Protein backbone atom coordinates (compact mmCIF):
# COMPACT_ATOMS: atom_id res chain seq x y z
CA MET A 1 0.13 -0.02 0.26
CA ASN A 2 1.26 4.02 -0.66
CA PRO A 3 2.37 5.92 1.92
CA ILE A 4 -0.32 8.45 2.93
CA ASN A 5 1.32 11.86 2.02
CA ASN A 6 1.22 14.34 4.78
CA CYS A 7 -0.30 17.09 2.86
CA LEU A 8 -3.60 15.18 3.02
CA THR A 9 -6.56 15.92 4.99
CA ARG A 10 -7.57 13.49 7.49
CA ARG A 11 -10.69 13.14 5.79
CA ALA A 12 -8.98 12.29 2.28
CA ALA A 13 -7.10 10.10 4.08
CA LEU A 14 -9.53 7.98 5.12
CA GLN A 15 -11.27 7.62 1.82
CA GLN A 16 -7.94 7.09 0.40
CA ALA A 17 -6.67 4.49 3.18
CA GLY A 18 -10.75 2.93 3.04
CA CYS A 19 -10.79 2.47 -1.13
CA GLY A 20 -11.06 -1.43 -1.75
CA PHE A 21 -12.28 -1.89 1.80
CA GLY A 22 -15.64 -3.05 1.28
CA SER A 23 -17.56 -2.69 4.52
CA LEU A 24 -14.62 -3.50 6.54
CA ALA A 25 -14.81 -1.65 9.80
CA LEU A 26 -12.05 0.00 11.42
CA ALA A 27 -12.72 -1.23 15.39
CA GLY A 28 -14.61 -4.01 15.60
CA LEU A 29 -12.19 -6.42 16.26
CA CYS A 30 -10.30 -4.40 18.51
CA ALA A 31 -12.51 -1.70 20.00
CA ASP A 32 -10.52 -0.94 22.61
CA SER A 33 -8.12 1.25 20.61
CA VAL A 34 -10.72 3.57 18.73
CA GLN A 35 -11.87 6.47 21.41
CA ALA A 36 -15.10 7.81 19.25
CA ALA A 37 -18.18 7.69 20.97
CA ASN A 38 -20.79 4.90 19.55
CA PRO A 39 -23.64 7.79 18.00
CA SER A 40 -26.23 4.93 17.69
CA ALA A 41 -25.83 3.17 21.33
CA ALA A 42 -29.29 2.75 23.12
CA LYS A 43 -30.49 6.18 25.50
CA GLU A 44 -33.29 6.65 27.96
CA PRO A 45 -36.45 8.10 26.71
CA HIS A 46 -37.77 11.34 28.51
CA LEU A 47 -41.26 9.50 28.77
CA ARG A 48 -42.46 6.14 29.94
CA PRO A 49 -42.35 4.13 26.27
CA ARG A 50 -45.41 2.91 25.46
CA ALA A 51 -43.98 1.18 22.23
CA LYS A 52 -40.62 0.48 21.40
CA ARG A 53 -40.30 0.55 17.77
CA ILE A 54 -42.41 2.00 14.47
CA ILE A 55 -43.03 0.50 10.95
CA PHE A 56 -44.33 2.65 8.39
CA LEU A 57 -45.98 1.58 5.74
CA PHE A 58 -45.87 4.44 2.90
CA MET A 59 -48.25 4.52 0.16
CA GLN A 60 -46.71 6.96 -1.93
CA GLY A 61 -49.00 8.96 -4.18
CA GLY A 62 -52.01 9.33 -1.77
CA PRO A 63 -54.61 6.95 -1.94
CA SER A 64 -58.35 8.13 -2.02
CA HIS A 65 -59.46 7.53 1.39
CA ILE A 66 -63.03 8.26 0.56
CA ASP A 67 -62.58 5.37 -1.62
CA THR A 68 -61.09 3.02 1.24
CA TYR A 69 -61.69 4.23 4.89
CA ASP A 70 -63.48 7.31 5.10
CA TYR A 71 -67.53 6.17 3.98
CA LYS A 72 -69.55 9.11 3.33
CA PRO A 73 -73.20 8.57 2.47
CA THR A 74 -73.62 12.20 0.55
CA LEU A 75 -71.41 10.86 -2.03
CA TYR A 76 -73.64 8.54 -3.30
CA LYS A 77 -76.69 10.73 -3.00
CA ASN A 78 -74.73 13.79 -4.84
CA ASP A 79 -72.97 11.44 -7.64
CA GLY A 80 -73.05 12.70 -10.84
CA LYS A 81 -73.90 16.14 -9.40
CA LYS A 82 -72.11 19.30 -10.35
CA MET A 83 -71.11 21.50 -6.83
CA PRO A 84 -68.86 23.98 -5.48
CA PHE A 85 -65.59 22.66 -3.80
CA ASP A 86 -62.54 25.84 -2.54
CA ASP A 87 -59.26 24.31 -1.79
CA ALA A 88 -55.42 25.13 -2.12
CA ARG A 89 -55.03 23.00 -4.94
CA THR A 90 -58.03 24.12 -6.78
CA ILE A 91 -57.15 27.65 -6.26
CA ALA A 92 -53.66 26.48 -7.23
CA ASN A 93 -54.71 25.11 -10.33
CA LYS A 94 -57.36 27.03 -11.26
CA GLY A 95 -56.78 30.59 -9.75
CA LYS A 96 -60.14 30.92 -8.14
CA ARG A 97 -62.36 29.77 -5.37
CA GLY A 98 -65.42 27.78 -5.18
CA THR A 99 -65.29 25.75 -8.61
CA SER A 100 -68.02 23.67 -9.56
CA GLU A 101 -67.02 19.89 -9.72
CA ARG A 102 -68.93 17.10 -10.46
CA VAL A 103 -69.17 15.08 -7.28
CA MET A 104 -67.79 11.24 -7.60
CA LYS A 105 -68.67 8.60 -5.09
CA PRO A 106 -66.82 5.29 -4.31
CA MET A 107 -65.82 3.22 -6.64
CA TRP A 108 -66.12 -0.05 -4.15
CA LYS A 109 -68.22 -1.39 -1.80
CA TYR A 110 -68.52 -0.35 1.83
CA ARG A 111 -68.48 -3.03 4.53
CA HIS A 112 -68.86 -3.14 8.57
CA TYR A 113 -65.69 -5.19 10.11
CA GLY A 114 -65.43 -6.70 13.27
CA GLU A 115 -66.99 -6.11 16.49
CA SER A 116 -66.43 -2.50 16.04
CA GLY A 117 -68.38 -2.46 12.94
CA ARG A 118 -65.60 -0.01 11.60
CA MET A 119 -66.79 0.81 7.79
CA THR A 120 -63.89 -0.50 4.77
CA SER A 121 -64.21 -0.24 1.58
CA ASP A 122 -63.53 -4.17 -0.62
CA LEU A 123 -60.24 -2.17 -1.50
CA PHE A 124 -58.77 -3.44 1.98
CA ARG A 125 -60.67 -6.97 2.52
CA GLU A 126 -57.78 -8.38 4.46
CA THR A 127 -56.34 -5.44 6.30
CA ALA A 128 -60.28 -5.12 7.49
CA LYS A 129 -60.41 -8.46 8.93
CA HIS A 130 -57.95 -6.65 11.75
CA SER A 131 -59.85 -4.08 12.31
CA ASP A 132 -60.90 -4.08 15.44
CA ASP A 133 -56.83 -3.75 16.25
CA LEU A 134 -56.68 -0.52 14.71
CA THR A 135 -56.83 3.02 15.53
CA PHE A 136 -58.35 5.49 12.51
CA ILE A 137 -57.88 9.32 12.32
CA HIS A 138 -60.09 10.68 9.98
CA SER A 139 -59.09 14.04 10.44
CA MET A 140 -55.68 14.44 9.03
CA HIS A 141 -54.38 17.32 7.39
CA THR A 142 -50.85 18.58 6.45
CA GLU A 143 -48.68 21.09 4.43
CA GLY A 144 -48.28 20.79 0.48
CA VAL A 145 -50.09 20.35 -1.86
CA ALA A 146 -48.15 18.65 -4.73
CA HIS A 147 -46.71 15.13 -3.95
CA GLY A 148 -42.99 16.48 -3.44
CA PRO A 149 -43.79 19.13 -0.76
CA ALA A 150 -46.35 16.76 0.70
CA THR A 151 -43.99 14.11 0.80
CA LEU A 152 -41.11 15.83 2.28
CA PHE A 153 -43.63 17.39 4.93
CA LEU A 154 -44.62 13.77 5.78
CA HIS A 155 -41.26 12.57 6.53
CA CYS A 156 -39.18 15.47 7.76
CA GLY A 157 -42.22 18.30 8.95
CA SER A 158 -41.27 20.71 6.00
CA THR A 159 -41.91 21.08 2.60
CA SER A 160 -38.81 22.40 1.43
CA PHE A 161 -36.29 22.94 3.75
CA ILE A 162 -33.42 20.28 4.52
CA ARG A 163 -34.64 18.70 7.56
CA PRO A 164 -34.24 15.28 9.32
CA SER A 165 -36.48 13.01 8.70
CA LEU A 166 -38.92 11.14 11.49
CA GLY A 167 -36.88 7.59 11.14
CA SER A 168 -33.71 9.65 12.06
CA TRP A 169 -35.20 11.69 14.60
CA VAL A 170 -36.30 8.65 15.93
CA ASN A 171 -32.67 6.92 15.81
CA TYR A 172 -31.48 9.86 17.34
CA GLY A 173 -33.47 9.91 20.36
CA LEU A 174 -33.18 6.27 21.39
CA GLY A 175 -30.72 5.31 19.17
CA SER A 176 -30.58 0.95 18.20
CA GLU A 177 -31.67 -1.79 20.47
CA ASN A 178 -29.14 -3.92 18.21
CA GLU A 179 -25.30 -2.51 17.91
CA ASN A 180 -25.09 -5.45 15.14
CA LEU A 181 -28.16 -3.41 12.59
CA PRO A 182 -28.95 0.11 11.91
CA GLY A 183 -31.31 1.59 13.67
CA PHE A 184 -33.54 2.85 10.85
CA ILE A 185 -34.19 1.18 7.79
CA SER A 186 -36.24 2.23 4.27
CA LEU A 187 -37.38 -0.72 2.82
CA GLY A 188 -37.30 0.31 -1.36
CA PRO A 189 -37.33 3.92 -1.12
CA ILE A 190 -38.72 6.04 -3.58
CA SER A 191 -36.25 8.04 -5.92
CA SER A 192 -38.53 10.99 -6.07
CA SER A 193 -40.67 13.39 -4.40
CA GLY A 194 -37.21 14.31 -1.92
CA GLY A 195 -35.62 10.77 -2.94
CA ALA A 196 -33.14 10.22 -0.20
CA ARG A 197 -33.68 13.32 1.95
CA ASN A 198 -37.04 11.24 3.25
CA TYR A 199 -34.79 8.85 4.59
CA GLY A 200 -31.67 11.22 5.77
CA SER A 201 -30.24 13.02 8.82
CA ALA A 202 -29.68 16.43 7.33
CA PHE A 203 -27.85 18.13 9.91
CA LEU A 204 -28.49 15.82 12.47
CA PRO A 205 -25.06 13.41 12.97
CA ALA A 206 -24.84 11.92 10.11
CA ALA A 207 -24.48 7.98 11.45
CA HIS A 208 -28.53 8.69 12.42
CA GLN A 209 -29.73 8.61 8.53
CA GLY A 210 -31.56 5.67 7.03
CA THR A 211 -29.98 2.69 5.28
CA ALA A 212 -31.65 2.04 2.01
CA ILE A 213 -32.38 -1.55 0.90
CA GLY A 214 -33.90 -1.86 -2.93
CA LYS A 215 -35.24 1.11 -4.46
CA GLY A 216 -38.21 2.80 -6.24
CA GLY A 217 -40.78 0.29 -3.85
CA LYS A 218 -39.27 -2.78 -5.28
CA PHE A 219 -37.85 -5.54 -3.04
CA ASP A 220 -37.15 -8.74 -5.00
CA LYS A 221 -35.63 -11.94 -3.12
CA ASN A 222 -32.21 -10.13 -4.60
CA ALA A 223 -32.74 -7.30 -1.99
CA THR A 224 -29.91 -6.51 0.52
CA ILE A 225 -27.89 -4.14 2.45
CA LYS A 226 -25.03 -4.15 -0.23
CA ASN A 227 -21.07 -4.65 0.05
CA LEU A 228 -22.12 -6.64 3.62
CA GLY A 229 -18.95 -9.07 2.75
CA ASN A 230 -15.59 -9.41 1.12
CA ALA A 231 -14.91 -12.64 -1.22
CA ASN A 232 -11.74 -11.84 -2.39
CA LEU A 233 -10.07 -12.08 0.52
CA SER A 234 -9.61 -14.21 3.90
CA ILE A 235 -10.74 -13.60 7.08
CA SER A 236 -6.75 -13.24 8.09
CA GLU A 237 -6.10 -10.69 4.85
CA GLN A 238 -9.63 -8.50 6.31
CA ARG A 239 -8.12 -8.71 9.78
CA ARG A 240 -4.95 -7.13 8.68
CA GLN A 241 -6.43 -4.54 6.56
CA LEU A 242 -8.79 -3.92 8.93
CA GLU A 243 -5.74 -3.59 12.00
CA PHE A 244 -4.29 -0.94 9.76
CA LEU A 245 -7.26 1.09 8.93
CA GLN A 246 -7.93 1.16 12.67
CA ARG A 247 -4.47 2.41 13.92
CA LEU A 248 -4.73 4.99 11.10
CA ASN A 249 -7.99 6.09 12.16
CA ALA A 250 -7.52 6.14 16.02
CA GLU A 251 -4.89 9.04 14.78
CA GLN A 252 -7.07 10.56 13.10
CA VAL A 253 -9.91 10.44 15.92
CA LYS A 254 -7.36 11.27 18.53
CA ASN A 255 -6.09 14.87 16.36
CA ALA A 256 -9.37 15.90 14.99
CA SER A 257 -11.82 18.53 15.82
CA LYS A 258 -16.01 17.39 16.20
CA ASP A 259 -16.75 16.17 12.57
CA SER A 260 -19.53 14.78 11.95
CA GLU A 261 -19.21 13.13 9.05
CA LEU A 262 -15.72 11.74 9.99
CA GLU A 263 -17.40 10.17 13.27
CA ALA A 264 -19.98 8.82 11.20
CA LEU A 265 -17.80 6.90 8.88
CA ILE A 266 -16.19 5.65 11.73
CA SER A 267 -19.17 4.46 13.27
CA SER A 268 -20.59 3.05 9.53
CA TYR A 269 -17.39 1.15 9.65
CA GLU A 270 -17.46 -0.15 12.74
CA LEU A 271 -20.90 -1.20 12.77
CA ALA A 272 -20.23 -2.85 8.74
CA TRP A 273 -18.15 -5.36 10.16
CA ARG A 274 -21.01 -6.56 12.80
CA MET A 275 -23.41 -6.79 10.23
CA GLN A 276 -20.92 -8.77 8.20
CA ASN A 277 -21.71 -11.41 10.53
CA ASN A 278 -25.11 -10.88 11.89
CA ALA A 279 -27.03 -9.20 9.18
CA PRO A 280 -27.16 -11.62 6.45
CA GLY A 281 -29.18 -14.13 8.79
CA VAL A 282 -31.64 -11.57 9.39
CA LEU A 283 -32.31 -10.89 5.85
CA ASP A 284 -32.87 -14.08 4.85
CA LEU A 285 -36.48 -14.58 4.23
CA SER A 286 -35.38 -18.48 3.79
CA GLU A 287 -35.16 -18.93 7.16
CA GLU A 288 -39.18 -18.49 7.29
CA THR A 289 -42.03 -21.37 6.71
CA GLN A 290 -44.17 -21.84 3.96
CA GLY A 291 -47.33 -21.12 6.10
CA THR A 292 -45.62 -17.86 6.89
CA MET A 293 -44.62 -16.97 3.47
CA ALA A 294 -47.78 -17.64 2.09
CA MET A 295 -49.63 -15.34 5.18
CA TYR A 296 -47.78 -12.45 3.46
CA GLY A 297 -48.43 -13.40 -0.04
CA ILE A 298 -44.75 -14.02 -1.27
CA GLY A 299 -44.93 -16.32 -4.12
CA GLU A 300 -47.87 -14.82 -5.41
CA LYS A 301 -47.65 -12.49 -8.02
CA ALA A 302 -49.51 -9.54 -6.89
CA THR A 303 -48.08 -9.56 -3.65
CA ASP A 304 -44.79 -11.23 -3.55
CA ASN A 305 -43.04 -7.50 -3.90
CA PHE A 306 -44.66 -5.97 -0.81
CA GLY A 307 -44.91 -9.38 0.93
CA ARG A 308 -41.50 -9.55 1.29
CA GLN A 309 -41.07 -5.65 2.25
CA CYS A 310 -43.47 -6.39 5.03
CA LEU A 311 -42.05 -9.53 6.14
CA MET A 312 -38.44 -8.50 6.26
CA ALA A 313 -40.11 -5.38 8.21
CA ARG A 314 -40.86 -7.80 11.02
CA ARG A 315 -37.33 -9.47 11.31
CA LEU A 316 -35.80 -6.09 11.77
CA CYS A 317 -38.31 -5.38 14.08
CA GLU A 318 -37.76 -8.41 15.78
CA ASN A 319 -33.95 -7.96 15.68
CA GLY A 320 -34.24 -4.71 17.41
CA VAL A 321 -34.17 -2.44 14.04
CA ARG A 322 -36.51 1.15 15.83
CA PHE A 323 -37.81 2.50 12.43
CA VAL A 324 -38.89 0.76 9.48
CA GLN A 325 -40.37 2.14 6.77
CA VAL A 326 -42.05 -0.11 3.79
CA THR A 327 -43.15 1.71 0.38
CA SER A 328 -45.57 1.32 -1.67
CA GLY A 329 -44.89 2.48 -5.01
CA ASP A 330 -42.85 5.58 -6.70
CA ALA A 331 -43.52 8.98 -7.72
CA GLY A 332 -41.18 8.40 -10.83
CA GLY A 333 -42.89 5.25 -11.69
CA ALA A 334 -46.40 3.84 -13.05
CA SER A 335 -47.12 1.86 -9.88
CA ASN A 336 -48.52 4.20 -7.10
CA TRP A 337 -51.28 5.74 -6.27
CA ASP A 338 -51.59 8.84 -7.90
CA GLN A 339 -54.78 8.44 -9.49
CA HIS A 340 -55.93 11.49 -11.31
CA SER A 341 -57.45 9.97 -14.56
CA LYS A 342 -58.10 6.16 -13.72
CA LEU A 343 -59.48 5.74 -10.00
CA PRO A 344 -59.79 2.10 -10.77
CA GLN A 345 -56.35 1.20 -10.79
CA HIS A 346 -56.49 1.52 -6.86
CA GLY A 347 -57.54 -1.88 -7.64
CA PRO A 348 -54.29 -3.52 -8.23
CA GLN A 349 -52.34 -1.45 -6.18
CA ALA A 350 -54.64 -2.41 -2.94
CA LYS A 351 -54.29 -5.64 -3.79
CA ALA A 352 -50.40 -5.80 -3.82
CA VAL A 353 -50.78 -4.62 -0.34
CA ASP A 354 -53.54 -5.87 1.42
CA LYS A 355 -53.22 -9.00 1.90
CA PRO A 356 -49.22 -8.76 2.82
CA ILE A 357 -50.12 -5.73 5.25
CA ALA A 358 -52.70 -8.22 7.01
CA GLY A 359 -50.29 -10.76 7.41
CA LEU A 360 -47.92 -8.09 9.04
CA LEU A 361 -50.68 -7.36 11.58
CA GLN A 362 -51.18 -10.98 12.59
CA ASP A 363 -47.88 -12.19 12.66
CA LEU A 364 -46.74 -9.32 14.73
CA LYS A 365 -49.78 -10.15 16.75
CA GLN A 366 -49.40 -14.05 17.31
CA ARG A 367 -45.93 -12.94 17.72
CA GLY A 368 -46.47 -10.35 21.12
CA LEU A 369 -44.97 -7.68 18.89
CA LEU A 370 -47.75 -5.95 18.61
CA GLU A 371 -47.72 -5.01 21.94
CA ASP A 372 -45.00 -2.73 21.68
CA THR A 373 -44.74 -2.11 17.73
CA ILE A 374 -46.86 0.78 16.20
CA VAL A 375 -47.80 -0.01 12.27
CA TRP A 376 -48.72 3.11 10.59
CA PHE A 377 -50.61 3.59 7.22
CA SER A 378 -50.94 6.94 5.44
CA GLY A 379 -50.10 8.27 2.07
CA GLU A 380 -48.46 11.91 1.80
CA PHE A 381 -52.24 13.16 1.58
CA GLY A 382 -55.79 11.76 0.49
CA ARG A 383 -57.83 12.32 -3.14
CA ALA A 384 -60.86 14.89 -3.58
CA PRO A 385 -64.25 13.87 -3.33
CA TYR A 386 -64.98 15.17 -6.91
CA ALA A 387 -64.08 13.57 -10.37
CA GLN A 388 -60.86 15.69 -11.96
CA ASN A 389 -61.35 17.14 -15.12
CA ASN A 390 -65.28 15.50 -15.12
CA GLY A 391 -63.32 12.29 -15.32
CA THR A 392 -62.19 8.78 -13.58
CA GLY A 393 -59.98 9.94 -11.34
CA ARG A 394 -59.51 12.29 -7.78
CA ASP A 395 -57.37 14.77 -7.15
CA HIS A 396 -54.57 15.60 -4.58
CA ASN A 397 -56.14 16.59 -0.96
CA ALA A 398 -54.09 17.52 1.78
CA GLY A 399 -57.50 19.15 3.70
CA GLY A 400 -58.59 15.80 5.06
CA PHE A 401 -57.82 12.12 4.96
CA THR A 402 -57.38 9.16 6.95
CA THR A 403 -54.54 7.76 8.81
CA TRP A 404 -54.80 4.21 10.95
CA LEU A 405 -52.00 2.99 13.58
CA ALA A 406 -52.18 -0.11 15.47
CA GLY A 407 -50.41 -1.69 18.29
CA GLY A 408 -48.51 0.72 21.34
CA CYS A 409 -51.27 1.06 23.72
CA LEU A 410 -53.66 2.66 21.47
CA LYS A 411 -57.49 2.18 21.52
CA SER A 412 -58.38 -0.27 19.14
CA GLY A 413 -60.98 -0.39 17.40
CA PHE A 414 -61.15 3.34 17.65
CA ALA A 415 -61.98 6.40 15.16
CA TYR A 416 -61.20 9.53 15.94
CA GLY A 417 -61.65 13.02 14.10
CA ALA A 418 -63.71 13.33 10.94
CA THR A 419 -63.85 15.10 7.53
CA ASP A 420 -67.10 17.16 6.49
CA GLU A 421 -69.70 15.45 4.83
CA PHE A 422 -68.20 15.17 1.50
CA GLY A 423 -64.75 13.89 2.79
CA HIS A 424 -62.86 17.37 1.75
CA LYS A 425 -61.94 19.13 4.60
CA ALA A 426 -61.07 17.50 8.46
CA VAL A 427 -63.45 19.51 10.40
CA GLU A 428 -63.74 17.59 13.76
CA ASN A 429 -60.88 16.88 15.85
CA LYS A 430 -58.41 18.03 13.22
CA VAL A 431 -55.15 15.94 13.65
CA HIS A 432 -52.24 18.19 11.49
CA MET A 433 -49.05 16.34 10.55
CA HIS A 434 -46.99 18.09 13.30
CA ASP A 435 -49.87 16.21 15.52
CA LEU A 436 -49.43 13.08 14.31
CA HIS A 437 -45.36 13.40 14.39
CA ALA A 438 -45.48 14.33 18.29
CA THR A 439 -47.76 11.38 19.21
CA LEU A 440 -45.56 8.96 17.31
CA LEU A 441 -42.66 10.37 19.28
CA HIS A 442 -44.73 9.97 22.44
CA LEU A 443 -45.71 6.63 21.91
CA LEU A 444 -41.58 6.06 22.42
CA GLY A 445 -41.17 7.87 25.28
CA LEU A 446 -40.10 10.96 23.47
CA ASP A 447 -41.42 14.36 24.06
CA HIS A 448 -40.89 16.28 20.68
CA GLU A 449 -40.34 19.62 22.66
CA GLN A 450 -37.46 18.30 24.11
CA LEU A 451 -36.18 16.51 20.97
CA THR A 452 -33.93 19.32 20.14
CA TYR A 453 -30.91 19.72 17.68
CA ARG A 454 -28.69 22.74 17.93
CA TYR A 455 -27.78 23.78 14.51
CA ALA A 456 -27.03 27.23 12.79
CA GLY A 457 -28.11 29.13 15.95
CA ARG A 458 -31.16 27.39 16.95
CA ASP A 459 -32.40 24.46 18.72
CA PHE A 460 -34.43 22.76 15.75
CA ARG A 461 -37.07 19.84 16.35
CA LEU A 462 -39.19 17.73 14.03
CA THR A 463 -42.20 19.42 14.92
CA ASP A 464 -40.67 23.49 14.83
CA VAL A 465 -42.71 25.26 16.99
CA HIS A 466 -45.84 22.98 16.33
CA GLY A 467 -47.46 20.00 17.45
CA SER A 468 -49.55 18.66 19.87
CA VAL A 469 -50.27 15.16 21.24
CA VAL A 470 -53.46 13.38 20.41
CA LYS A 471 -54.04 11.63 23.70
CA ALA A 472 -57.36 10.94 23.02
CA ILE A 473 -56.25 7.32 20.99
CA MET A 474 -54.22 6.36 23.45
CA THR A 475 -55.75 3.83 26.23
């Protein structure tokens, strides 16, 4: 190996020395020699936690709440009538208020489910069987009328500024339960509408950013964390290289001023070595029984992709990962929930996720994991109650939509809040996205007002200067 020139910066030296080392850790074998703190170590919560982890089921593109979970008889009574609607999206597109639009009823039949009698459309017949375990919030509203801003707000609490994602805040606030795996993993993350910013750490220490597996809502049987192993070198050769890099970085850490990126890189090498010996087993779905695979729809054409994501989410959570995001759809592709002109496309989109979600809920419950796991289902916004351009689709609707939660000491079989009679705007017990973020953090034992990070002369938090915990949905 060539000697390192003294004029190189510590970061350049680290990058050049690490070339070809793949995912080797610099101190995984000899941790005593490296004094850098582990930024992902488990931390004490602010409050008594009601849950330990979150699985976020992200329906990219905005599923129609009035065609799935928000039953509105008024839409049937007024189907086909021209009526005035006033919302931010209409004003942005047409430059005027109160435009006349044709009311469009739901395209799928609603039915009552469970002892709670919750109403769900035929789009989610399998998930609906678990209605008595779900907590519905029908009064969600958010910021941003287009996918990019609304998706960033959903993930980061801001429509445009670069801010840490929810998963990164959770990782920063609590650390990982398992030192051999990342605390935050995003399965099949979308490539647009914010892209990597949706699982990024922004100004938080870089060690708290999410680890992506797969992309664009896709997660086939070959999806894995890249570069976990090095098949070209023996263990003894890897050990010698590791020890050399370890000595180099011990000096760099000793002499360096605080450098988040350098510390994160060191930490990532350490984690990578531990993952090399632990993660492959966690990521190997072949260890599951055929019965479990079938429960998630794995092996069936329509559900195989999302089923693998959901099963992987369960495996990651039971192995100590704090925050796992599972994505359906990609704004850059044809397969997502954004149906402006062909709402019937919701049919195959729902079929792809319904059975896997039901399987996930059943699996978590029978393993005792649902008690301390929050499952969160949401898009970035909902859809309008009228036909867009008098066609067969619906426009965006940030003023009122539905999300649901399960697990973690929530009131099960319970509905909170309401939209108006058309499902257009949240009107009763309104819940802003900042409120939902505050509530999710609270369930994990984090006070959203105390979970702050000082950057550029001020203290930042996920909820900015807003947000109230929705205690009415908790037991």
